[in-house]
Amino acid sequence: MAADLAVVDYNMENKEPPILSVEEAIRKSSFFEVPSFIQPKQVGDFSEGMGEADHKILSAEACRGS
């Protein structure tokens, strides 16, 4: 098979190690822009809605397994 004959050489000079977790990305401020067609349309004023809400979120944490 042709794929068995392929040779791929990666030049890793001047490359930083990969970011492997959400927490590491946050620490390194490594983010990407979400394309606008994926983002939901904003409806209303978020801050106003949270201020008027009966229940308040005081803190939150999100974790993703790998």
N, C-alpha and C. Protein backbone atom coordinates (compact mmCIF):
# COMPACT_ATOMS: atom_id res chain seq x y z
N MET A 1 0.85 -1.18 0.00
CA MET A 1 0.00 0.00 0.00
C MET A 1 0.90 1.24 0.00
N ALA A 2 0.50 2.25 -0.76
CA ALA A 2 1.30 3.47 -0.90
C ALA A 2 1.51 4.17 0.43
N ALA A 3 0.51 4.16 1.33
CA ALA A 3 0.65 4.83 2.62
C ALA A 3 1.79 4.23 3.44
N ASP A 4 2.07 2.95 3.26
CA ASP A 4 3.18 2.31 3.98
C ASP A 4 4.53 2.82 3.51
N LEU A 5 4.60 3.36 2.31
CA LEU A 5 5.86 3.85 1.76
C LEU A 5 6.09 5.34 2.05
N ALA A 6 5.09 6.02 2.55
CA ALA A 6 5.22 7.46 2.82
C ALA A 6 6.14 7.71 4.00
N VAL A 7 6.94 8.75 3.88
CA VAL A 7 7.82 9.18 4.97
C VAL A 7 7.46 10.63 5.29
N VAL A 8 7.11 10.87 6.54
CA VAL A 8 6.73 12.22 6.97
C VAL A 8 7.74 12.68 8.00
N ASP A 9 8.32 13.84 7.77
CA ASP A 9 9.32 14.39 8.67
C ASP A 9 8.80 15.73 9.20
N TYR A 10 8.64 15.84 10.50
CA TYR A 10 8.15 17.06 11.13
C TYR A 10 9.32 17.83 11.70
N ASN A 11 9.41 19.10 11.37
CA ASN A 11 10.43 19.97 11.93
C ASN A 11 9.85 20.60 13.18
N MET A 12 10.33 20.23 14.33
CA MET A 12 9.80 20.72 15.60
C MET A 12 10.64 21.85 16.19
N GLU A 13 11.62 22.35 15.44
CA GLU A 13 12.43 23.46 15.93
C GLU A 13 11.54 24.68 16.11
N ASN A 14 11.78 25.42 17.17
CA ASN A 14 11.05 26.65 17.49
C ASN A 14 9.55 26.43 17.67
N LYS A 15 9.15 25.24 18.01
CA LYS A 15 7.74 24.93 18.27
C LYS A 15 7.55 24.72 19.76
N GLU A 16 6.44 25.24 20.28
CA GLU A 16 6.13 25.01 21.69
C GLU A 16 5.40 23.69 21.81
N PRO A 17 5.47 23.06 22.99
CA PRO A 17 4.74 21.80 23.17
C PRO A 17 3.24 22.02 23.01
N PRO A 18 2.51 20.98 22.59
CA PRO A 18 1.07 21.15 22.40
C PRO A 18 0.33 21.43 23.70
N ILE A 19 -0.75 22.15 23.60
CA ILE A 19 -1.63 22.41 24.74
C ILE A 19 -2.64 21.28 24.79
N LEU A 20 -2.70 20.57 25.92
CA LEU A 20 -3.49 19.35 25.99
C LEU A 20 -4.71 19.44 26.89
N SER A 21 -4.96 20.60 27.50
CA SER A 21 -6.14 20.71 28.35
C SER A 21 -6.71 22.12 28.28
N VAL A 22 -7.97 22.24 28.64
CA VAL A 22 -8.62 23.54 28.68
C VAL A 22 -7.92 24.43 29.70
N GLU A 23 -7.59 23.86 30.85
CA GLU A 23 -6.94 24.64 31.90
C GLU A 23 -5.60 25.21 31.42
N GLU A 24 -4.83 24.40 30.71
CA GLU A 24 -3.54 24.87 30.19
C GLU A 24 -3.75 25.97 29.15
N ALA A 25 -4.75 25.83 28.31
CA ALA A 25 -5.05 26.86 27.32
C ALA A 25 -5.40 28.18 28.00
N ILE A 26 -6.17 28.11 29.08
CA ILE A 26 -6.53 29.33 29.81
C ILE A 26 -5.29 29.95 30.43
N ARG A 27 -4.44 29.13 31.05
CA ARG A 27 -3.20 29.66 31.65
C ARG A 27 -2.33 30.36 30.62
N LYS A 28 -2.30 29.82 29.41
CA LYS A 28 -1.45 30.38 28.35
C LYS A 28 -2.20 31.39 27.47
N SER A 29 -3.44 31.70 27.83
CA SER A 29 -4.28 32.62 27.04
C SER A 29 -4.30 32.21 25.57
N SER A 30 -4.48 30.93 25.33
CA SER A 30 -4.52 30.41 23.97
C SER A 30 -5.96 30.10 23.60
N PHE A 31 -6.57 31.00 22.85
CA PHE A 31 -7.97 30.88 22.47
C PHE A 31 -8.10 30.99 20.96
N PHE A 32 -9.23 30.60 20.44
CA PHE A 32 -9.51 30.80 19.03
C PHE A 32 -10.90 31.38 18.89
N GLU A 33 -11.11 32.08 17.82
CA GLU A 33 -12.40 32.70 17.56
C GLU A 33 -13.38 31.65 17.04
N VAL A 34 -14.56 31.63 17.60
CA VAL A 34 -15.61 30.75 17.11
C VAL A 34 -16.27 31.44 15.92
N PRO A 35 -16.38 30.75 14.78
CA PRO A 35 -17.01 31.39 13.62
C PRO A 35 -18.41 31.88 13.94
N SER A 36 -18.78 33.01 13.41
CA SER A 36 -20.06 33.64 13.75
C SER A 36 -21.26 32.76 13.39
N PHE A 37 -21.15 31.91 12.38
CA PHE A 37 -22.30 31.08 12.00
C PHE A 37 -22.56 29.98 13.02
N ILE A 38 -21.61 29.72 13.92
CA ILE A 38 -21.79 28.71 14.96
C ILE A 38 -22.39 29.33 16.23
N GLN A 39 -22.08 30.58 16.48
CA GLN A 39 -22.55 31.25 17.69
C GLN A 39 -24.05 31.53 17.60
N PRO A 40 -24.76 31.28 18.71
CA PRO A 40 -26.20 31.60 18.69
C PRO A 40 -26.41 33.11 18.68
N LYS A 41 -27.53 33.53 18.13
CA LYS A 41 -27.86 34.96 18.09
C LYS A 41 -28.17 35.42 19.51
N GLN A 42 -27.57 36.55 19.92
CA GLN A 42 -27.80 37.09 21.25
C GLN A 42 -29.19 37.69 21.33
N VAL A 43 -29.89 37.33 22.40
CA VAL A 43 -31.25 37.84 22.62
C VAL A 43 -31.27 38.47 24.01
N GLY A 44 -31.61 39.73 24.10
CA GLY A 44 -31.69 40.41 25.39
C GLY A 44 -30.35 40.84 25.93
N ASP A 45 -30.35 41.34 27.16
CA ASP A 45 -29.15 41.83 27.83
C ASP A 45 -28.76 40.84 28.92
N PHE A 46 -27.63 40.18 28.76
CA PHE A 46 -27.20 39.15 29.70
C PHE A 46 -27.06 39.69 31.12
N SER A 47 -26.34 40.79 31.29
CA SER A 47 -26.11 41.35 32.62
C SER A 47 -27.41 41.75 33.30
N GLU A 48 -28.31 42.33 32.54
CA GLU A 48 -29.60 42.73 33.10
C GLU A 48 -30.40 41.49 33.53
N GLY A 49 -30.41 40.49 32.69
CA GLY A 49 -31.13 39.25 33.02
C GLY A 49 -30.56 38.57 34.25
N MET A 50 -29.24 38.52 34.36
CA MET A 50 -28.62 37.89 35.54
C MET A 50 -28.91 38.71 36.79
N GLY A 51 -28.94 40.04 36.64
CA GLY A 51 -29.23 40.91 37.78
C GLY A 51 -30.65 40.75 38.29
N GLU A 52 -31.56 40.44 37.40
CA GLU A 52 -32.98 40.30 37.77
C GLU A 52 -33.36 38.87 38.16
N ALA A 53 -32.45 37.93 37.99
CA ALA A 53 -32.77 36.52 38.23
C ALA A 53 -33.03 36.23 39.71
N ASP A 54 -33.96 35.30 39.95
CA ASP A 54 -34.25 34.89 41.33
C ASP A 54 -33.11 34.08 41.93
N HIS A 55 -32.41 33.31 41.13
CA HIS A 55 -31.31 32.48 41.61
C HIS A 55 -30.00 33.02 41.02
N LYS A 56 -28.96 33.07 41.83
CA LYS A 56 -27.68 33.62 41.40
C LYS A 56 -26.62 32.52 41.33
N ILE A 57 -25.79 32.58 40.30
CA ILE A 57 -24.64 31.70 40.20
C ILE A 57 -23.47 32.44 40.84
N LEU A 58 -23.00 31.93 41.98
CA LEU A 58 -21.93 32.59 42.69
C LEU A 58 -20.56 32.17 42.17
N SER A 59 -20.44 30.93 41.75
CA SER A 59 -19.20 30.47 41.13
C SER A 59 -19.52 29.22 40.33
N ALA A 60 -18.64 28.91 39.40
CA ALA A 60 -18.85 27.73 38.56
C ALA A 60 -17.52 27.21 38.07
N GLU A 61 -17.49 25.94 37.74
CA GLU A 61 -16.30 25.32 37.20
C GLU A 61 -16.73 24.28 36.18
N ALA A 62 -16.06 24.24 35.06
CA ALA A 62 -16.37 23.26 34.03
C ALA A 62 -15.13 22.42 33.77
N CYS A 63 -15.31 21.12 33.75
CA CYS A 63 -14.20 20.20 33.48
C CYS A 63 -14.59 19.28 32.34
N ARG A 64 -13.61 18.97 31.51
CA ARG A 64 -13.84 18.05 30.39
C ARG A 64 -12.91 16.88 30.55
N GLY A 65 -13.44 15.71 30.42
CA GLY A 65 -12.60 14.51 30.43
C GLY A 65 -11.96 14.32 29.08
N SER A 66 -10.88 13.59 29.06
CA SER A 66 -10.23 13.34 27.76
C SER A 66 -10.20 11.87 27.47
